[in-house]
N, C-alpha and C. Protein backbone atom coordinates (compact mmCIF):
# COMPACT_ATOMS: atom_id res chain seq x y z
N MET A 1 163.43 123.68 86.13
CA MET A 1 163.00 124.22 87.42
C MET A 1 161.48 124.10 87.53
N SER A 2 161.00 123.54 88.69
CA SER A 2 159.57 123.37 88.86
C SER A 2 158.89 124.71 89.08
N PRO A 3 157.57 124.79 88.80
CA PRO A 3 156.84 126.05 88.99
C PRO A 3 156.91 126.55 90.43
N LYS A 4 156.87 125.60 91.39
CA LYS A 4 156.88 126.03 92.79
C LYS A 4 158.24 126.61 93.19
N ILE A 5 159.32 126.02 92.68
CA ILE A 5 160.65 126.55 92.97
C ILE A 5 160.80 127.93 92.35
N SER A 6 160.28 128.09 91.13
CA SER A 6 160.31 129.38 90.45
C SER A 6 159.54 130.42 91.25
N LYS A 7 158.39 129.99 91.79
CA LYS A 7 157.56 130.90 92.60
C LYS A 7 158.32 131.30 93.86
N MET A 8 159.02 130.34 94.45
CA MET A 8 159.80 130.63 95.65
C MET A 8 160.88 131.67 95.37
N MET A 9 161.50 131.60 94.21
CA MET A 9 162.53 132.57 93.85
C MET A 9 161.93 133.96 93.68
N ASP A 10 160.72 134.03 93.12
CA ASP A 10 160.04 135.32 92.96
C ASP A 10 159.75 135.95 94.31
N ILE A 11 159.28 135.08 95.25
CA ILE A 11 158.96 135.58 96.60
C ILE A 11 160.22 136.10 97.27
N ALA A 12 161.31 135.36 97.11
CA ALA A 12 162.58 135.77 97.72
C ALA A 12 163.03 137.11 97.18
N THR A 13 162.86 137.32 95.89
CA THR A 13 163.25 138.58 95.27
C THR A 13 162.43 139.74 95.82
N LYS A 14 161.12 139.52 95.98
CA LYS A 14 160.24 140.57 96.49
C LYS A 14 160.56 140.93 97.93
N THR A 15 161.08 139.96 98.70
CA THR A 15 161.41 140.23 100.10
C THR A 15 162.86 140.72 100.26
N LYS A 16 163.49 141.04 99.09
CA LYS A 16 164.85 141.61 99.08
C LYS A 16 165.89 140.66 99.64
N GLN A 17 165.62 139.35 99.50
CA GLN A 17 166.62 138.35 99.85
C GLN A 17 167.05 137.68 98.56
N THR A 18 168.29 137.25 98.50
CA THR A 18 168.71 136.54 97.29
C THR A 18 167.95 135.22 97.23
N PRO A 19 167.50 134.83 96.04
CA PRO A 19 166.75 133.58 95.91
C PRO A 19 167.46 132.39 96.52
N SER A 20 168.75 132.28 96.29
CA SER A 20 169.50 131.13 96.79
C SER A 20 169.51 131.09 98.31
N THR A 21 169.60 132.26 98.93
CA THR A 21 169.61 132.33 100.40
C THR A 21 168.26 131.92 100.97
N LYS A 22 167.19 132.45 100.37
CA LYS A 22 165.84 132.14 100.85
C LYS A 22 165.51 130.67 100.65
N ILE A 23 165.87 130.13 99.51
CA ILE A 23 165.58 128.72 99.23
C ILE A 23 166.40 127.82 100.15
N ALA A 24 167.64 128.20 100.40
CA ALA A 24 168.49 127.40 101.29
C ALA A 24 167.92 127.38 102.70
N ALA A 25 167.41 128.54 103.14
CA ALA A 25 166.81 128.62 104.48
C ALA A 25 165.55 127.77 104.55
N ALA A 26 164.74 127.82 103.48
CA ALA A 26 163.50 127.03 103.44
C ALA A 26 163.83 125.54 103.44
N ARG A 27 164.84 125.16 102.66
CA ARG A 27 165.24 123.75 102.58
C ARG A 27 165.70 123.25 103.95
N GLN A 28 166.47 124.07 104.62
CA GLN A 28 166.98 123.68 105.94
C GLN A 28 165.83 123.51 106.93
N LYS A 29 164.89 124.43 106.89
CA LYS A 29 163.76 124.38 107.81
C LYS A 29 162.89 123.16 107.54
N VAL A 30 162.61 122.90 106.27
CA VAL A 30 161.78 121.76 105.89
C VAL A 30 162.47 120.45 106.24
N ASN A 31 163.76 120.37 106.00
CA ASN A 31 164.49 119.14 106.32
C ASN A 31 164.47 118.84 107.81
N ARG A 32 164.53 119.89 108.62
CA ARG A 32 164.43 119.69 110.07
C ARG A 32 163.06 119.13 110.44
N LEU A 33 162.02 119.66 109.79
CA LEU A 33 160.67 119.17 110.06
C LEU A 33 160.52 117.70 109.67
N LEU A 34 161.08 117.34 108.52
CA LEU A 34 160.93 115.98 108.03
C LEU A 34 161.73 114.97 108.85
N MET A 35 162.61 115.46 109.71
CA MET A 35 163.35 114.57 110.60
C MET A 35 162.55 114.22 111.85
N LEU A 36 161.44 114.95 112.07
CA LEU A 36 160.59 114.66 113.23
C LEU A 36 159.90 113.30 113.05
N LYS A 37 159.60 112.67 114.17
CA LYS A 37 158.93 111.37 114.12
C LYS A 37 157.51 111.51 113.60
N LYS A 38 156.86 112.62 113.96
CA LYS A 38 155.50 112.87 113.51
C LYS A 38 155.26 114.37 113.47
N LEU A 39 154.69 114.84 112.37
CA LEU A 39 154.43 116.27 112.23
C LEU A 39 153.02 116.60 112.70
N THR A 40 152.89 117.79 113.28
CA THR A 40 151.58 118.27 113.72
C THR A 40 151.29 119.61 113.05
N VAL A 41 150.06 120.05 113.18
CA VAL A 41 149.67 121.34 112.62
C VAL A 41 150.49 122.46 113.25
N GLN A 42 150.79 122.32 114.54
CA GLN A 42 151.57 123.34 115.24
C GLN A 42 152.99 123.43 114.68
N ASP A 43 153.53 122.31 114.22
CA ASP A 43 154.89 122.29 113.69
C ASP A 43 155.05 123.16 112.43
N ILE A 44 153.98 123.29 111.68
CA ILE A 44 154.07 124.05 110.43
C ILE A 44 153.34 125.39 110.50
N ALA A 45 152.90 125.75 111.70
CA ALA A 45 152.09 126.97 111.84
C ALA A 45 152.85 128.23 111.44
N ASP A 46 154.16 128.26 111.66
CA ASP A 46 154.92 129.49 111.37
C ASP A 46 155.58 129.47 109.99
N LEU A 47 155.26 128.48 109.17
CA LEU A 47 155.84 128.44 107.82
C LEU A 47 155.17 129.48 106.93
N ASP A 48 155.99 130.17 106.13
CA ASP A 48 155.38 131.08 105.16
C ASP A 48 154.99 130.26 103.92
N GLN A 49 154.36 130.92 102.95
CA GLN A 49 153.83 130.20 101.79
C GLN A 49 154.94 129.50 101.00
N MET A 50 156.08 130.16 100.87
CA MET A 50 157.17 129.56 100.13
C MET A 50 157.66 128.30 100.82
N GLU A 51 157.74 128.33 102.13
CA GLU A 51 158.20 127.16 102.89
C GLU A 51 157.17 126.03 102.83
N ARG A 52 155.89 126.39 102.84
CA ARG A 52 154.83 125.38 102.72
C ARG A 52 154.90 124.70 101.34
N ASP A 53 155.12 125.51 100.32
CA ASP A 53 155.23 124.95 98.97
C ASP A 53 156.41 124.00 98.87
N TYR A 54 157.50 124.39 99.48
CA TYR A 54 158.70 123.54 99.43
C TYR A 54 158.48 122.25 100.20
N LEU A 55 157.79 122.35 101.34
CA LEU A 55 157.48 121.16 102.14
C LEU A 55 156.59 120.20 101.34
N GLU A 56 155.59 120.76 100.68
CA GLU A 56 154.67 119.92 99.88
C GLU A 56 155.41 119.21 98.75
N GLU A 57 156.24 119.96 98.05
CA GLU A 57 156.97 119.38 96.92
C GLU A 57 157.96 118.32 97.38
N THR A 58 158.67 118.61 98.46
CA THR A 58 159.66 117.64 98.97
C THR A 58 158.97 116.38 99.48
N ALA A 59 157.87 116.55 100.21
CA ALA A 59 157.14 115.39 100.74
C ALA A 59 156.58 114.53 99.61
N THR A 60 156.07 115.18 98.57
CA THR A 60 155.52 114.45 97.43
C THR A 60 156.60 113.62 96.74
N GLN A 61 157.77 114.22 96.56
CA GLN A 61 158.88 113.51 95.92
C GLN A 61 159.32 112.32 96.76
N GLN A 62 159.38 112.50 98.07
CA GLN A 62 159.79 111.40 98.94
C GLN A 62 158.78 110.27 98.91
N LEU A 63 157.48 110.63 98.94
CA LEU A 63 156.44 109.61 98.94
C LEU A 63 156.48 108.76 97.67
N ARG A 64 156.73 109.41 96.54
CA ARG A 64 156.78 108.68 95.26
C ARG A 64 157.90 107.65 95.23
N GLY A 65 158.93 107.89 96.02
CA GLY A 65 160.06 106.96 96.01
C GLY A 65 159.97 105.86 97.04
N LEU A 66 158.88 105.84 97.82
CA LEU A 66 158.75 104.85 98.90
C LEU A 66 157.75 103.75 98.53
N THR A 67 157.96 102.57 99.07
CA THR A 67 157.04 101.45 98.89
C THR A 67 156.84 100.73 100.21
N GLY A 68 155.84 99.86 100.24
CA GLY A 68 155.62 99.00 101.41
C GLY A 68 155.45 99.73 102.71
N GLU A 69 156.06 99.17 103.74
CA GLU A 69 155.91 99.71 105.09
C GLU A 69 156.57 101.08 105.24
N ALA A 70 157.62 101.33 104.47
CA ALA A 70 158.27 102.64 104.53
C ALA A 70 157.31 103.73 104.05
N ARG A 71 156.51 103.40 103.03
CA ARG A 71 155.50 104.34 102.54
C ARG A 71 154.43 104.58 103.60
N ASP A 72 154.00 103.50 104.25
CA ASP A 72 153.01 103.63 105.32
C ASP A 72 153.51 104.53 106.45
N SER A 73 154.76 104.32 106.83
CA SER A 73 155.34 105.09 107.94
C SER A 73 155.41 106.57 107.60
N PHE A 74 155.77 106.87 106.35
CA PHE A 74 155.86 108.27 105.93
C PHE A 74 154.49 108.93 105.93
N ILE A 75 153.49 108.23 105.41
CA ILE A 75 152.12 108.78 105.39
C ILE A 75 151.62 108.99 106.81
N GLU A 76 151.91 108.04 107.69
CA GLU A 76 151.49 108.17 109.09
C GLU A 76 152.16 109.38 109.75
N LYS A 77 153.42 109.60 109.43
CA LYS A 77 154.15 110.74 109.99
C LYS A 77 153.54 112.07 109.55
N MET A 78 153.08 112.11 108.30
CA MET A 78 152.56 113.35 107.71
C MET A 78 151.05 113.50 107.86
N GLU A 79 150.37 112.48 108.38
CA GLU A 79 148.91 112.42 108.33
C GLU A 79 148.22 113.67 108.86
N ALA A 80 148.69 114.20 109.95
CA ALA A 80 148.02 115.34 110.59
C ALA A 80 148.04 116.60 109.74
N ILE A 81 148.98 116.70 108.80
CA ILE A 81 149.07 117.92 107.99
C ILE A 81 148.69 117.68 106.52
N ILE A 82 148.30 116.44 106.19
CA ILE A 82 147.91 116.14 104.80
C ILE A 82 146.49 116.64 104.56
N PRO A 83 146.28 117.47 103.54
CA PRO A 83 144.92 117.95 103.23
C PRO A 83 144.01 116.78 102.81
N ILE A 84 142.70 116.97 102.99
CA ILE A 84 141.73 115.95 102.60
C ILE A 84 141.87 115.60 101.12
N SER A 85 142.09 116.60 100.29
CA SER A 85 142.20 116.35 98.85
C SER A 85 143.37 115.42 98.54
N THR A 86 144.48 115.60 99.25
CA THR A 86 145.64 114.75 99.03
C THR A 86 145.38 113.33 99.55
N LYS A 87 144.68 113.23 100.68
CA LYS A 87 144.33 111.91 101.20
C LYS A 87 143.45 111.16 100.22
N ASN A 88 142.54 111.87 99.58
CA ASN A 88 141.67 111.25 98.58
C ASN A 88 142.48 110.79 97.37
N GLN A 89 143.49 111.58 96.99
CA GLN A 89 144.35 111.19 95.87
C GLN A 89 145.13 109.93 96.21
N ILE A 90 145.59 109.82 97.45
CA ILE A 90 146.31 108.62 97.88
C ILE A 90 145.38 107.42 97.83
N TRP A 91 144.13 107.60 98.28
CA TRP A 91 143.15 106.51 98.24
C TRP A 91 142.87 106.09 96.80
N GLU A 92 142.70 107.06 95.92
CA GLU A 92 142.42 106.75 94.51
C GLU A 92 143.59 105.99 93.88
N TYR A 93 144.80 106.38 94.24
CA TYR A 93 145.98 105.67 93.72
C TYR A 93 145.96 104.21 94.19
N ASN A 94 145.72 104.02 95.50
CA ASN A 94 145.67 102.66 96.04
C ASN A 94 144.58 101.84 95.35
N GLN A 95 143.41 102.46 95.16
CA GLN A 95 142.29 101.77 94.50
C GLN A 95 142.66 101.34 93.08
N THR A 96 143.32 102.22 92.36
CA THR A 96 143.68 101.93 90.98
C THR A 96 144.69 100.80 90.88
N VAL A 97 145.77 100.89 91.65
CA VAL A 97 146.82 99.87 91.52
C VAL A 97 146.35 98.51 92.05
N ILE A 98 145.53 98.51 93.09
CA ILE A 98 145.01 97.23 93.62
C ILE A 98 144.05 96.60 92.61
N SER A 99 143.15 97.41 92.05
CA SER A 99 142.20 96.89 91.05
C SER A 99 142.93 96.35 89.83
N ASN A 100 143.94 97.09 89.37
CA ASN A 100 144.70 96.64 88.20
C ASN A 100 145.46 95.34 88.48
N ALA A 101 146.01 95.24 89.68
CA ALA A 101 146.76 94.03 90.05
C ALA A 101 145.84 92.81 90.10
N ILE A 102 144.65 92.99 90.66
CA ILE A 102 143.69 91.88 90.75
C ILE A 102 143.24 91.46 89.35
N SER A 103 142.90 92.44 88.52
CA SER A 103 142.44 92.14 87.15
C SER A 103 143.53 91.42 86.36
N LYS A 104 144.75 91.89 86.48
CA LYS A 104 145.87 91.29 85.75
C LYS A 104 146.10 89.85 86.20
N PHE A 105 146.05 89.60 87.50
CA PHE A 105 146.30 88.26 88.02
C PHE A 105 145.19 87.30 87.61
N ILE A 106 143.93 87.74 87.73
CA ILE A 106 142.80 86.89 87.35
C ILE A 106 142.85 86.57 85.86
N GLY A 107 143.20 87.57 85.05
CA GLY A 107 143.30 87.35 83.62
C GLY A 107 144.36 86.32 83.26
N LYS A 108 145.43 86.28 84.03
CA LYS A 108 146.54 85.37 83.74
C LYS A 108 146.36 84.00 84.37
N HIS A 109 145.83 83.96 85.61
CA HIS A 109 145.77 82.70 86.36
C HIS A 109 144.35 82.17 86.58
N GLY A 110 143.35 83.02 86.37
CA GLY A 110 141.97 82.56 86.53
C GLY A 110 141.51 82.41 87.96
N CYS A 111 142.20 83.02 88.90
CA CYS A 111 141.79 82.96 90.30
C CYS A 111 142.18 84.26 91.00
N MET A 112 141.65 84.44 92.19
CA MET A 112 141.91 85.67 92.94
C MET A 112 143.29 85.62 93.60
N PRO A 113 144.08 86.68 93.46
CA PRO A 113 145.41 86.69 94.10
C PRO A 113 145.30 86.88 95.61
N SER A 114 146.32 86.46 96.32
CA SER A 114 146.38 86.68 97.77
C SER A 114 146.74 88.13 98.04
N LYS A 115 146.51 88.56 99.26
CA LYS A 115 146.87 89.93 99.65
C LYS A 115 148.37 90.15 99.52
N THR A 116 149.16 89.11 99.81
CA THR A 116 150.61 89.23 99.71
C THR A 116 151.04 89.45 98.26
N LEU A 117 150.43 88.73 97.34
CA LEU A 117 150.75 88.89 95.93
C LEU A 117 150.35 90.27 95.42
N ILE A 118 149.20 90.76 95.89
CA ILE A 118 148.75 92.11 95.50
C ILE A 118 149.76 93.15 95.99
N ALA A 119 150.22 92.97 97.22
CA ALA A 119 151.20 93.90 97.79
C ALA A 119 152.49 93.90 96.98
N GLU A 120 152.95 92.71 96.60
CA GLU A 120 154.18 92.61 95.82
C GLU A 120 154.03 93.28 94.45
N GLU A 121 152.85 93.14 93.85
CA GLU A 121 152.61 93.69 92.52
C GLU A 121 152.48 95.21 92.54
N THR A 122 151.87 95.74 93.61
CA THR A 122 151.57 97.17 93.67
C THR A 122 152.64 98.02 94.34
N GLY A 123 153.46 97.39 95.18
CA GLY A 123 154.43 98.16 95.94
C GLY A 123 153.84 98.71 97.23
N LEU A 124 152.57 98.39 97.49
CA LEU A 124 151.95 98.76 98.75
C LEU A 124 152.28 97.71 99.80
N SER A 125 152.11 98.07 101.05
CA SER A 125 152.31 97.08 102.10
C SER A 125 151.10 96.15 102.16
N ARG A 126 151.31 94.95 102.69
CA ARG A 126 150.19 94.01 102.82
C ARG A 126 149.13 94.60 103.73
N GLN A 127 149.55 95.31 104.77
CA GLN A 127 148.61 95.93 105.71
C GLN A 127 147.72 96.94 105.00
N THR A 128 148.31 97.74 104.09
CA THR A 128 147.53 98.72 103.34
C THR A 128 146.53 98.04 102.42
N VAL A 129 146.95 96.95 101.77
CA VAL A 129 146.06 96.21 100.87
C VAL A 129 144.88 95.65 101.65
N VAL A 130 145.16 95.01 102.78
CA VAL A 130 144.09 94.42 103.61
C VAL A 130 143.12 95.50 104.07
N LYS A 131 143.64 96.61 104.57
CA LYS A 131 142.80 97.71 105.07
C LYS A 131 141.96 98.30 103.94
N HIS A 132 142.56 98.48 102.76
CA HIS A 132 141.83 99.09 101.64
C HIS A 132 140.70 98.19 101.18
N VAL A 133 140.98 96.91 101.00
CA VAL A 133 139.95 95.96 100.54
C VAL A 133 138.82 95.84 101.55
N LYS A 134 139.16 95.91 102.83
CA LYS A 134 138.16 95.76 103.89
C LYS A 134 137.25 96.98 104.00
N GLU A 135 137.82 98.17 103.78
CA GLU A 135 137.08 99.39 104.09
C GLU A 135 136.64 100.20 102.87
N TYR A 136 137.01 99.76 101.66
CA TYR A 136 136.77 100.62 100.48
C TYR A 136 135.30 100.93 100.26
N GLN A 137 134.39 100.01 100.62
CA GLN A 137 132.96 100.20 100.34
C GLN A 137 132.36 101.38 101.11
N THR A 138 132.98 101.77 102.21
CA THR A 138 132.45 102.87 103.01
C THR A 138 133.23 104.17 102.80
N HIS A 139 134.24 104.14 101.93
CA HIS A 139 135.03 105.35 101.70
C HIS A 139 134.24 106.33 100.85
N PRO A 140 134.28 107.61 101.19
CA PRO A 140 133.53 108.62 100.43
C PRO A 140 133.82 108.62 98.93
N GLU A 141 135.07 108.36 98.54
CA GLU A 141 135.40 108.34 97.13
C GLU A 141 134.73 107.18 96.40
N HIS A 142 134.63 106.02 97.07
CA HIS A 142 133.94 104.88 96.47
C HIS A 142 132.45 105.17 96.36
N LEU A 143 131.87 105.75 97.41
CA LEU A 143 130.44 106.08 97.39
C LEU A 143 130.14 107.09 96.28
N ALA A 144 131.05 108.02 96.07
CA ALA A 144 130.87 109.01 95.00
C ALA A 144 130.91 108.34 93.63
N ALA A 145 131.81 107.36 93.47
CA ALA A 145 131.90 106.63 92.20
C ALA A 145 130.63 105.83 91.94
N VAL A 146 130.09 105.21 93.00
CA VAL A 146 128.84 104.46 92.86
C VAL A 146 127.71 105.38 92.43
N GLN A 147 127.67 106.58 93.00
CA GLN A 147 126.64 107.54 92.62
C GLN A 147 126.74 107.92 91.15
N GLN A 148 127.96 108.00 90.64
CA GLN A 148 128.15 108.32 89.23
C GLN A 148 127.56 107.23 88.35
N PHE A 149 127.76 105.97 88.74
CA PHE A 149 127.19 104.87 87.97
C PHE A 149 125.66 104.89 88.05
N LYS A 150 125.12 105.19 89.23
CA LYS A 150 123.67 105.28 89.37
C LYS A 150 123.10 106.41 88.52
N PHE A 151 123.87 107.48 88.42
CA PHE A 151 123.44 108.62 87.60
C PHE A 151 123.26 108.22 86.14
N MET A 152 124.08 107.25 85.69
CA MET A 152 124.02 106.81 84.30
C MET A 152 123.00 105.71 84.07
N ALA A 153 122.33 105.23 85.12
CA ALA A 153 121.37 104.12 85.00
C ALA A 153 120.27 104.38 83.97
N PRO A 154 119.66 105.58 83.93
CA PRO A 154 118.62 105.82 82.93
C PRO A 154 119.11 105.63 81.49
N ASN A 155 120.37 105.97 81.23
CA ASN A 155 120.93 105.78 79.89
C ASN A 155 121.01 104.30 79.54
N VAL A 156 121.40 103.48 80.54
CA VAL A 156 121.48 102.04 80.32
C VAL A 156 120.08 101.48 80.09
N LEU A 157 119.11 101.93 80.90
CA LEU A 157 117.74 101.47 80.75
C LEU A 157 117.19 101.81 79.37
N ALA A 158 117.50 102.99 78.88
CA ALA A 158 117.03 103.39 77.56
C ALA A 158 117.64 102.51 76.48
N SER A 159 118.91 102.15 76.65
CA SER A 159 119.58 101.28 75.68
C SER A 159 118.97 99.89 75.68
N VAL A 160 118.68 99.37 76.88
CA VAL A 160 118.04 98.05 76.97
C VAL A 160 116.66 98.08 76.35
N PHE A 161 115.91 99.15 76.59
CA PHE A 161 114.57 99.28 76.03
C PHE A 161 114.63 99.31 74.50
N LYS A 162 115.62 100.00 73.96
CA LYS A 162 115.77 100.07 72.51
C LYS A 162 116.02 98.68 71.93
N SER A 163 116.87 97.89 72.61
CA SER A 163 117.13 96.53 72.15
C SER A 163 115.88 95.67 72.23
N ALA A 164 115.08 95.87 73.29
CA ALA A 164 113.84 95.11 73.44
C ALA A 164 112.87 95.44 72.31
N ILE A 165 112.78 96.72 71.96
CA ILE A 165 111.91 97.15 70.87
C ILE A 165 112.32 96.48 69.55
N ASN A 166 113.63 96.26 69.40
CA ASN A 166 114.15 95.67 68.17
C ASN A 166 114.07 94.15 68.15
N GLY A 167 113.42 93.56 69.18
CA GLY A 167 113.15 92.13 69.17
C GLY A 167 114.08 91.27 69.98
N ASP A 168 114.96 91.85 70.80
CA ASP A 168 115.88 91.08 71.63
C ASP A 168 115.13 90.62 72.88
N THR A 169 114.81 89.30 72.95
CA THR A 169 113.99 88.80 74.07
C THR A 169 114.73 88.87 75.40
N LYS A 170 116.04 88.66 75.38
CA LYS A 170 116.79 88.76 76.62
C LYS A 170 116.79 90.20 77.13
N ALA A 171 116.90 91.15 76.20
CA ALA A 171 116.84 92.56 76.60
C ALA A 171 115.45 92.90 77.11
N ALA A 172 114.42 92.29 76.50
CA ALA A 172 113.04 92.54 76.95
C ALA A 172 112.85 92.06 78.38
N ARG A 173 113.36 90.87 78.67
CA ARG A 173 113.22 90.35 80.04
C ARG A 173 114.02 91.21 81.02
N LEU A 174 115.24 91.58 80.62
CA LEU A 174 116.06 92.43 81.48
C LEU A 174 115.37 93.75 81.75
N TYR A 175 114.76 94.32 80.71
CA TYR A 175 114.05 95.59 80.88
C TYR A 175 112.91 95.43 81.88
N LEU A 176 112.14 94.34 81.73
CA LEU A 176 111.02 94.11 82.65
C LEU A 176 111.50 93.91 84.08
N GLU A 177 112.66 93.27 84.23
CA GLU A 177 113.23 93.09 85.57
C GLU A 177 113.70 94.43 86.14
N MET A 178 114.34 95.24 85.29
CA MET A 178 114.88 96.52 85.74
C MET A 178 113.79 97.48 86.20
N VAL A 179 112.64 97.43 85.53
CA VAL A 179 111.54 98.33 85.93
C VAL A 179 110.65 97.69 86.98
N GLY A 180 111.00 96.47 87.42
CA GLY A 180 110.24 95.82 88.49
C GLY A 180 109.03 95.07 88.02
N ALA A 181 108.87 94.87 86.72
CA ALA A 181 107.66 94.21 86.22
C ALA A 181 107.61 92.75 86.60
N ILE A 182 108.69 92.02 86.41
CA ILE A 182 108.68 90.59 86.68
C ILE A 182 108.65 90.31 88.17
N SER A 183 109.29 91.16 88.95
CA SER A 183 109.28 90.94 90.40
C SER A 183 107.95 91.28 91.03
N LYS A 184 107.06 91.96 90.27
CA LYS A 184 105.76 92.35 90.78
C LYS A 184 104.63 91.59 90.07
N GLN A 185 104.87 90.30 89.75
CA GLN A 185 103.87 89.52 89.04
C GLN A 185 102.60 89.37 89.88
N GLN A 186 101.50 89.25 89.19
CA GLN A 186 100.25 88.98 89.86
C GLN A 186 100.27 87.55 90.37
N PRO A 187 99.53 87.25 91.45
CA PRO A 187 99.46 85.89 91.97
C PRO A 187 99.02 84.92 90.88
N GLY A 188 99.76 83.81 90.76
CA GLY A 188 99.38 82.80 89.79
C GLY A 188 99.98 83.02 88.42
N MET A 189 100.62 84.16 88.18
CA MET A 189 101.19 84.43 86.86
C MET A 189 102.54 83.73 86.73
N VAL A 190 102.78 83.13 85.59
CA VAL A 190 104.03 82.42 85.33
C VAL A 190 104.75 83.08 84.18
N VAL A 191 106.03 83.43 84.38
CA VAL A 191 106.84 84.02 83.32
C VAL A 191 108.04 83.12 83.10
N ASN A 192 108.16 82.57 81.89
CA ASN A 192 109.29 81.72 81.53
C ASN A 192 110.09 82.36 80.42
N GLU A 193 111.40 82.17 80.46
CA GLU A 193 112.26 82.69 79.39
C GLU A 193 112.98 81.55 78.71
N GLN A 194 112.93 81.51 77.39
CA GLN A 194 113.70 80.57 76.59
C GLN A 194 114.72 81.38 75.80
N ASN A 195 115.48 80.70 74.99
CA ASN A 195 116.52 81.38 74.24
C ASN A 195 115.98 82.38 73.24
N ASN A 196 114.79 82.10 72.68
CA ASN A 196 114.28 82.97 71.62
C ASN A 196 112.87 83.48 71.87
N TYR A 197 112.35 83.28 73.07
CA TYR A 197 111.05 83.86 73.36
C TYR A 197 110.82 83.95 74.87
N ILE A 198 109.82 84.78 75.25
CA ILE A 198 109.39 84.90 76.64
C ILE A 198 107.94 84.45 76.69
N GLN A 199 107.62 83.60 77.68
CA GLN A 199 106.24 83.13 77.82
C GLN A 199 105.65 83.67 79.11
N VAL A 200 104.53 84.36 78.99
CA VAL A 200 103.79 84.87 80.13
C VAL A 200 102.48 84.11 80.18
N ASN A 201 102.35 83.19 81.16
CA ASN A 201 101.22 82.26 81.18
C ASN A 201 101.14 81.55 79.82
N ASN A 202 100.08 81.68 79.10
CA ASN A 202 99.93 81.00 77.82
C ASN A 202 100.27 81.88 76.62
N THR A 203 100.73 83.09 76.90
CA THR A 203 101.07 84.01 75.82
C THR A 203 102.56 83.97 75.55
N ILE A 204 102.93 83.75 74.29
CA ILE A 204 104.34 83.67 73.90
C ILE A 204 104.75 84.94 73.17
N LEU A 205 105.84 85.56 73.67
CA LEU A 205 106.38 86.76 73.03
C LEU A 205 107.70 86.38 72.39
N SER A 206 107.69 86.19 71.08
CA SER A 206 108.90 85.81 70.36
C SER A 206 109.63 87.05 69.89
N GLN A 207 110.82 86.85 69.34
CA GLN A 207 111.59 87.97 68.81
C GLN A 207 110.82 88.67 67.69
N GLU A 208 110.12 87.85 66.91
CA GLU A 208 109.40 88.43 65.78
C GLU A 208 108.28 89.36 66.23
N ASN A 209 107.43 88.89 67.17
CA ASN A 209 106.33 89.76 67.56
C ASN A 209 106.76 90.88 68.50
N LEU A 210 107.86 90.67 69.23
CA LEU A 210 108.38 91.78 70.04
C LEU A 210 108.88 92.90 69.15
N ARG A 211 109.49 92.52 68.03
CA ARG A 211 110.00 93.51 67.11
C ARG A 211 108.88 94.34 66.50
N ALA A 212 107.70 93.73 66.41
CA ALA A 212 106.57 94.42 65.79
C ALA A 212 105.83 95.32 66.77
N LEU A 213 106.15 95.19 68.08
CA LEU A 213 105.43 95.97 69.07
C LEU A 213 105.95 97.41 69.12
N THR A 214 105.05 98.31 69.46
CA THR A 214 105.42 99.70 69.65
C THR A 214 105.80 99.91 71.12
N ALA A 215 106.38 101.06 71.42
CA ALA A 215 106.73 101.38 72.81
C ALA A 215 105.48 101.38 73.68
N GLU A 216 104.38 101.87 73.17
CA GLU A 216 103.13 101.91 73.94
C GLU A 216 102.64 100.50 74.24
N GLN A 217 102.77 99.59 73.26
CA GLN A 217 102.33 98.22 73.48
C GLN A 217 103.21 97.51 74.51
N LEU A 218 104.52 97.78 74.47
CA LEU A 218 105.40 97.20 75.49
C LEU A 218 105.05 97.71 76.88
N ASN A 219 104.70 98.98 76.96
CA ASN A 219 104.29 99.55 78.25
C ASN A 219 103.00 98.89 78.74
N GLN A 220 102.10 98.56 77.81
CA GLN A 220 100.86 97.90 78.17
C GLN A 220 101.14 96.49 78.71
N ILE A 221 102.11 95.79 78.08
CA ILE A 221 102.49 94.47 78.58
C ILE A 221 103.04 94.57 79.99
N GLU A 222 103.89 95.58 80.21
CA GLU A 222 104.43 95.80 81.56
C GLU A 222 103.30 96.05 82.56
N HIS A 223 102.32 96.85 82.15
CA HIS A 223 101.19 97.18 83.02
C HIS A 223 100.41 95.93 83.37
N ILE A 224 100.22 95.03 82.40
CA ILE A 224 99.48 93.79 82.64
C ILE A 224 100.23 92.90 83.62
N ILE A 225 101.57 92.78 83.40
CA ILE A 225 102.38 91.90 84.26
C ILE A 225 102.40 92.40 85.69
N THR A 226 102.50 93.70 85.85
CA THR A 226 102.58 94.26 87.21
C THR A 226 101.20 94.42 87.84
N GLY A 227 100.15 94.21 87.07
CA GLY A 227 98.81 94.39 87.62
C GLY A 227 98.50 95.83 87.87
N GLY A 228 99.19 96.73 87.12
CA GLY A 228 98.94 98.17 87.26
C GLY A 228 99.62 98.78 88.44
N GLN A 229 100.52 98.05 89.14
CA GLN A 229 101.20 98.61 90.31
C GLN A 229 102.14 99.72 89.89
N GLY A 230 102.29 100.68 90.69
CA GLY A 230 103.20 101.79 90.46
C GLY A 230 102.63 102.83 89.53
N LYS A 231 101.38 102.64 89.04
CA LYS A 231 100.74 103.63 88.19
C LYS A 231 100.00 104.67 89.01
């Protein structure tokens, strides 16, 4: 027995109705609602908490069993009464299964799958796949995820800096790019990167001498390249 059904039985007992009678009445009421073409807030305004819980549980079970256009139709029917948190969960589910399907296909075939193939793999409708891929960049959940990655940027920068200190020339160049040093070169300055060294004008920074530099000396090199900008 699910927790919500158990809760419904407790409520029925407190209201001096037999649990089976109260649950049967709630089931009948919810089933009538689910037969409507589209539900509105007014349709559920007179539901008590037990009936709302039963509606939520029944709708969730039905949604899990639907795919493709049938799933779309059910979500559209319930849209007006679906809480924002549940809508976000639906979006996260779509994001996860679409991303996994694309990664799996590229890993196996080496090319991007069509929207139709993604729909077949995920059980979503092609319309949902097209809409999600088109609009995901502006969805609040995606923007929140991007912010989380930005929040971790200083940790990545610190890791790159540590590798640069240890003599990794590629990490050194990446670090200088990340802090804007290379993009802010002084007029006439030339920065070249080879496999094992970085050349700034006539000065060569190899893995060996980069490894010998201190953090303060690396900061001084950055200051020279940027011409003191941002200080």
